[in-house]
Structures are given as C-alpha cells and as structure tokens.
Amino acid sequence: AAAEKLILAASTLLILVLTVGNVFSRKVIHRSWSFTEELVVAVFVLITLMAAALACREGELVSLTLVTDRLPVVVLVTVLSVIFTVILFKYGMDKVLTQLANGKRTFVLNWPEWIFWSFVPIGSVCMILHFVEYCIDFCTDFKFVKRKEEA
C-alpha cells in the first residue's frame, strides 16, 4: 500500500507538472507540448486503478449495498468483485500481448502502447490483492476491532 500511495502521489504530481507546463508553454511560448495528452491520459488510467485498489483495501470502493445491508455477505461480494477484476486483468493482458505482438506505438511519443495498457493488469492485480485482504480482515475482525478500540 505504501508503494501504491507513492505511485499515486508521483503520478498526480506528473499530471500537474505536464498540464501546467503545457498551458504555460501554449500561452507564453506559443508552442504546445503535443506529447502531454498521451502521457496524461495513460497516467490518469494508472491513478484511477491504483486509487480503486487502495479503496478496496479499506472496503471503501463504491458499491451497491442493497443486498449487503440486509445480509452480511462480504465473502460473496469479495468473490464477485475478484471475478470481475480477474476478467479485467485477462482482457488487459490480452490487449498488452496483442500490442506487443503488433508492435503498435503511440502517435506522438512513438512509445510502445503496451506500456500504457500494462497499467490495467497492474491495477487489477492490486485490486484483487486488496479485495482479498479486506475480506480476510473483515472475517477475522482484525482491523474492525482495532478501529473500535481507537474510538
């Protein structure tokens, strides 16, 4: 989780620097940094998946609680969430492998596109780990007993 938080902070800072730098460059120098759009979009995907993974760790990912409010089925919700995330991982890996085989590159930076698409399987793995971690903590009352003691 500490590594994920570091990646999130660095990625957010990178987006901030690129966006502000591009605006400054366009307004003052009258030259646009054409590569910023590719990088910002790719890094934003990474931020979204990493933040979702950290939310999974605390059980704070947005979910429909219509069923779970009536029945405590954390294990079922975890299993369904992991299945969805495994499917996301599979399709993300398929895309990465296809782009590796095709050698497809980005338009402006001319970087291999598989680099940016690899953020999807990486984020998926983090989400799976945190879903399972949250379920174990919930079932063993590990973090929840600790929170009650602190309150």
C-alpha atoms as a PDB file:
ATOM      1  CA  ALA A   1       0.000   0.000   0.000  1.00  0.00           C
ATOM      2  CA  ALA A   2       2.868   2.373   0.716  1.00  0.00           C
ATOM      3  CA  ALA A   3       4.279   1.777  -2.767  1.00  0.00           C
ATOM      4  CA  GLU A   4       0.842   2.373  -4.282  1.00  0.00           C
ATOM      5  CA  LYS A   5       0.471   5.643  -2.366  1.00  0.00           C
ATOM      6  CA  LEU A   6       3.910   6.727  -3.578  1.00  0.00           C
ATOM      7  CA  ILE A   7       2.960   5.864  -7.174  1.00  0.00           C
ATOM      8  CA  LEU A   8      -0.291   7.827  -6.786  1.00  0.00           C
ATOM      9  CA  ALA A   9       1.484  10.882  -5.410  1.00  0.00           C
ATOM     10  CA  ALA A  10       4.180  10.813  -8.101  1.00  0.00           C
ATOM     11  CA  SER A  11       1.602  10.259 -10.862  1.00  0.00           C
ATOM     12  CA  THR A  12      -0.581  13.107  -9.652  1.00  0.00           C
ATOM     13  CA  LEU A  13       2.442  15.379  -9.476  1.00  0.00           C
ATOM     14  CA  LEU A  14       3.449  14.314 -13.003  1.00  0.00           C
ATOM     15  CA  ILE A  15      -0.013  15.152 -14.368  1.00  0.00           C
ATOM     16  CA  LEU A  16       0.070  18.515 -12.605  1.00  0.00           C
ATOM     17  CA  VAL A  17       3.514  19.405 -13.975  1.00  0.00           C
ATOM     18  CA  LEU A  18       2.672  18.288 -17.517  1.00  0.00           C
ATOM     19  CA  THR A  19      -0.669  20.089 -17.634  1.00  0.00           C
ATOM     20  CA  VAL A  20       0.566  23.337 -16.093  1.00  0.00           C
ATOM     21  CA  GLY A  21       3.717  23.202 -18.220  1.00  0.00           C
ATOM     22  CA  ASN A  22       1.693  22.705 -21.389  1.00  0.00           C
ATOM     23  CA  VAL A  23      -0.627  25.615 -20.564  1.00  0.00           C
ATOM     24  CA  PHE A  24       2.361  27.835 -19.765  1.00  0.00           C
ATOM     25  CA  SER A  25       4.089  26.765 -22.979  1.00  0.00           C
ATOM     26  CA  ARG A  26       0.999  27.468 -25.097  1.00  0.00           C
ATOM     27  CA  LYS A  27       0.288  30.880 -23.553  1.00  0.00           C
ATOM     28  CA  VAL A  28       3.828  32.242 -23.163  1.00  0.00           C
ATOM     29  CA  ILE A  29       5.973  30.489 -25.764  1.00  0.00           C
ATOM     30  CA  HIS A  30       3.085  29.808 -28.166  1.00  0.00           C
ATOM     31  CA  ARG A  31       4.176  26.179 -28.572  1.00  0.00           C
ATOM     32  CA  SER A  32       2.114  23.231 -27.395  1.00  0.00           C
ATOM     33  CA  TRP A  33       3.623  20.119 -25.872  1.00  0.00           C
ATOM     34  CA  SER A  34       1.900  17.567 -28.064  1.00  0.00           C
ATOM     35  CA  PHE A  35       3.091  14.602 -26.001  1.00  0.00           C
ATOM     36  CA  THR A  36       1.265  15.671 -22.835  1.00  0.00           C
ATOM     37  CA  GLU A  37      -2.137  14.360 -23.906  1.00  0.00           C
ATOM     38  CA  GLU A  38      -0.835  10.814 -24.369  1.00  0.00           C
ATOM     39  CA  LEU A  39       1.006  10.785 -21.069  1.00  0.00           C
ATOM     40  CA  VAL A  40      -1.740  12.441 -19.037  1.00  0.00           C
ATOM     41  CA  VAL A  41      -4.424  10.038 -20.288  1.00  0.00           C
ATOM     42  CA  ALA A  42      -2.241   6.975 -19.625  1.00  0.00           C
ATOM     43  CA  VAL A  43      -1.186   8.154 -16.181  1.00  0.00           C
ATOM     44  CA  PHE A  44      -4.786   9.024 -15.336  1.00  0.00           C
ATOM     45  CA  VAL A  45      -5.752   5.388 -16.027  1.00  0.00           C
ATOM     46  CA  LEU A  46      -2.991   4.296 -13.648  1.00  0.00           C
ATOM     47  CA  ILE A  47      -4.191   6.721 -10.970  1.00  0.00           C
ATOM     48  CA  THR A  48      -7.787   5.543 -11.301  1.00  0.00           C
ATOM     49  CA  LEU A  49      -6.925   1.858 -10.929  1.00  0.00           C
ATOM     50  CA  MET A  50      -4.409   2.383  -8.115  1.00  0.00           C
ATOM     51  CA  ALA A  51      -6.856   4.567  -6.169  1.00  0.00           C
ATOM     52  CA  ALA A  52      -9.576   1.953  -6.650  1.00  0.00           C
ATOM     53  CA  ALA A  53      -7.181  -0.695  -5.335  1.00  0.00           C
ATOM     54  CA  LEU A  54      -6.460   1.354  -2.219  1.00  0.00           C
ATOM     55  CA  ALA A  55     -10.189   1.909  -1.717  1.00  0.00           C
ATOM     56  CA  CYS A  56     -10.675  -1.880  -1.900  1.00  0.00           C
ATOM     57  CA  ARG A  57      -8.162  -2.272   0.895  1.00  0.00           C
ATOM     58  CA  GLU A  58     -10.381  -0.306   3.270  1.00  0.00           C
ATOM     59  CA  GLY A  59     -13.683  -1.583   1.895  1.00  0.00           C
ATOM     60  CA  GLU A  60     -14.499   1.892   0.638  1.00  0.00           C
ATOM     61  CA  LEU A  61     -14.955   1.154  -3.049  1.00  0.00           C
ATOM     62  CA  VAL A  62     -18.318   2.371  -4.265  1.00  0.00           C
ATOM     63  CA  SER A  63     -20.779  -0.490  -4.180  1.00  0.00           C
ATOM     64  CA  LEU A  64     -24.479  -1.137  -4.203  1.00  0.00           C
ATOM     65  CA  THR A  65     -25.377  -2.084  -0.633  1.00  0.00           C
ATOM     66  CA  LEU A  66     -28.999  -3.015  -1.223  1.00  0.00           C
ATOM     67  CA  VAL A  67     -28.259  -6.702  -0.623  1.00  0.00           C
ATOM     68  CA  THR A  68     -25.353  -6.401   1.782  1.00  0.00           C
ATOM     69  CA  ASP A  69     -27.285  -4.119   4.162  1.00  0.00           C
ATOM     70  CA  ARG A  70     -29.839  -6.884   4.608  1.00  0.00           C
ATOM     71  CA  LEU A  71     -27.445  -9.832   4.572  1.00  0.00           C
ATOM     72  CA  PRO A  72     -23.801  -9.664   5.655  1.00  0.00           C
ATOM     73  CA  VAL A  73     -22.361 -11.323   2.573  1.00  0.00           C
ATOM     74  CA  VAL A  74     -18.881  -9.833   2.437  1.00  0.00           C
ATOM     75  CA  VAL A  75     -17.430 -13.104   1.183  1.00  0.00           C
ATOM     76  CA  LEU A  76     -19.913 -13.249  -1.718  1.00  0.00           C
ATOM     77  CA  VAL A  77     -19.250  -9.620  -2.639  1.00  0.00           C
ATOM     78  CA  THR A  78     -15.500 -10.279  -2.489  1.00  0.00           C
ATOM     79  CA  VAL A  79     -15.794 -13.344  -4.726  1.00  0.00           C
ATOM     80  CA  LEU A  80     -17.889 -11.434  -7.286  1.00  0.00           C
ATOM     81  CA  SER A  81     -15.512  -8.453  -7.168  1.00  0.00           C
ATOM     82  CA  VAL A  82     -12.480 -10.698  -7.636  1.00  0.00           C
ATOM     83  CA  ILE A  83     -14.171 -12.452 -10.580  1.00  0.00           C
ATOM     84  CA  PHE A  84     -14.848  -9.082 -12.227  1.00  0.00           C
ATOM     85  CA  THR A  85     -11.290  -7.939 -11.583  1.00  0.00           C
ATOM     86  CA  VAL A  86      -9.827 -11.195 -12.934  1.00  0.00           C
ATOM     87  CA  ILE A  87     -11.834 -10.620 -16.136  1.00  0.00           C
ATOM     88  CA  LEU A  88     -10.461  -7.057 -16.264  1.00  0.00           C
ATOM     89  CA  PHE A  89      -6.950  -8.469 -15.796  1.00  0.00           C
ATOM     90  CA  LYS A  90      -7.450 -11.068 -18.542  1.00  0.00           C
ATOM     91  CA  TYR A  91      -8.669  -8.540 -21.110  1.00  0.00           C
ATOM     92  CA  GLY A  92      -5.942  -6.095 -20.097  1.00  0.00           C
ATOM     93  CA  MET A  93      -3.263  -8.775 -20.562  1.00  0.00           C
ATOM     94  CA  ASP A  94      -4.787  -9.784 -23.904  1.00  0.00           C
ATOM     95  CA  LYS A  95      -4.524  -6.168 -25.043  1.00  0.00           C
ATOM     96  CA  VAL A  96      -0.924  -5.893 -23.805  1.00  0.00           C
ATOM     97  CA  LEU A  97       0.109  -9.132 -25.539  1.00  0.00           C
ATOM     98  CA  THR A  98      -1.635  -8.124 -28.771  1.00  0.00           C
ATOM     99  CA  GLN A  99       0.147  -4.774 -28.781  1.00  0.00           C
ATOM    100  CA  LEU A 100       3.460  -6.457 -28.017  1.00  0.00           C
ATOM    101  CA  ALA A 101       2.947  -8.790 -30.978  1.00  0.00           C
ATOM    102  CA  ASN A 102       1.824  -5.986 -33.322  1.00  0.00           C
ATOM    103  CA  GLY A 103       4.469  -3.518 -32.197  1.00  0.00           C
ATOM    104  CA  LYS A 104       1.868  -0.730 -32.091  1.00  0.00           C
ATOM    105  CA  ARG A 105       3.264   2.623 -30.982  1.00  0.00           C
ATOM    106  CA  THR A 106       1.759   5.910 -29.782  1.00  0.00           C
ATOM    107  CA  PHE A 107       1.346   8.693 -32.321  1.00  0.00           C
ATOM    108  CA  VAL A 108       3.314  11.495 -30.723  1.00  0.00           C
ATOM    109  CA  LEU A 109       5.878   9.915 -28.414  1.00  0.00           C
ATOM    110  CA  ASN A 110       6.308   6.816 -30.568  1.00  0.00           C
ATOM    111  CA  TRP A 111       6.426   4.682 -27.413  1.00  0.00           C
ATOM    112  CA  PRO A 112       5.107   1.110 -27.418  1.00  0.00           C
ATOM    113  CA  GLU A 113       1.410   1.210 -26.494  1.00  0.00           C
ATOM    114  CA  TRP A 114       1.724  -1.924 -24.373  1.00  0.00           C
ATOM    115  CA  ILE A 115       3.487   0.188 -21.754  1.00  0.00           C
ATOM    116  CA  PHE A 116       0.370   2.264 -21.149  1.00  0.00           C
ATOM    117  CA  TRP A 117      -2.005  -0.702 -21.376  1.00  0.00           C
ATOM    118  CA  SER A 118       0.071  -2.581 -18.808  1.00  0.00           C
ATOM    119  CA  PHE A 119      -1.432  -0.233 -16.206  1.00  0.00           C
ATOM    120  CA  VAL A 120      -4.721  -2.162 -16.492  1.00  0.00           C
ATOM    121  CA  PRO A 121      -3.351  -5.578 -15.421  1.00  0.00           C
ATOM    122  CA  ILE A 122      -1.132  -3.950 -12.786  1.00  0.00           C
ATOM    123  CA  GLY A 123      -4.106  -2.112 -11.277  1.00  0.00           C
ATOM    124  CA  SER A 124      -6.210  -5.274 -11.485  1.00  0.00           C
ATOM    125  CA  VAL A 125      -3.661  -7.298  -9.531  1.00  0.00           C
ATOM    126  CA  CYS A 126      -3.555  -4.607  -6.842  1.00  0.00           C
ATOM    127  CA  MET A 127      -7.362  -4.600  -6.648  1.00  0.00           C
ATOM    128  CA  ILE A 128      -7.531  -8.400  -6.326  1.00  0.00           C
ATOM    129  CA  LEU A 129      -4.975  -8.375  -3.509  1.00  0.00           C
ATOM    130  CA  HIS A 130      -6.822  -5.647  -1.629  1.00  0.00           C
ATOM    131  CA  PHE A 131     -10.257  -7.237  -2.100  1.00  0.00           C
ATOM    132  CA  VAL A 132      -8.934 -10.445  -0.568  1.00  0.00           C
ATOM    133  CA  GLU A 133      -7.103  -8.544   2.171  1.00  0.00           C
ATOM    134  CA  TYR A 134     -10.244  -6.635   3.121  1.00  0.00           C
ATOM    135  CA  CYS A 135     -12.327  -9.827   3.199  1.00  0.00           C
ATOM    136  CA  ILE A 136      -9.800 -11.580   5.450  1.00  0.00           C
ATOM    137  CA  ASP A 137      -9.609  -8.565   7.755  1.00  0.00           C
ATOM    138  CA  PHE A 138     -13.404  -8.323   7.873  1.00  0.00           C
ATOM    139  CA  CYS A 139     -13.907 -12.033   8.542  1.00  0.00           C
ATOM    140  CA  THR A 140     -11.254 -12.097  11.276  1.00  0.00           C
ATOM    141  CA  ASP A 141     -12.341  -8.696  12.679  1.00  0.00           C
ATOM    142  CA  PHE A 142      -8.673  -7.691  12.572  1.00  0.00           C
ATOM    143  CA  LYS A 143      -8.972  -4.026  11.531  1.00  0.00           C
ATOM    144  CA  PHE A 144     -12.521  -3.583  12.783  1.00  0.00           C
ATOM    145  CA  VAL A 145     -11.683  -4.497  16.380  1.00  0.00           C
ATOM    146  CA  LYS A 146      -8.687  -2.178  16.149  1.00  0.00           C
ATOM    147  CA  ARG A 147     -10.901   0.702  14.944  1.00  0.00           C
ATOM    148  CA  LYS A 148     -13.409   0.147  17.766  1.00  0.00           C
ATOM    149  CA  GLU A 149     -10.577   0.242  20.320  1.00  0.00           C
ATOM    150  CA  GLU A 150      -9.285   3.529  18.885  1.00  0.00           C
ATOM    151  CA  ALA A 151     -12.723   5.171  19.008  1.00  0.00           C
END
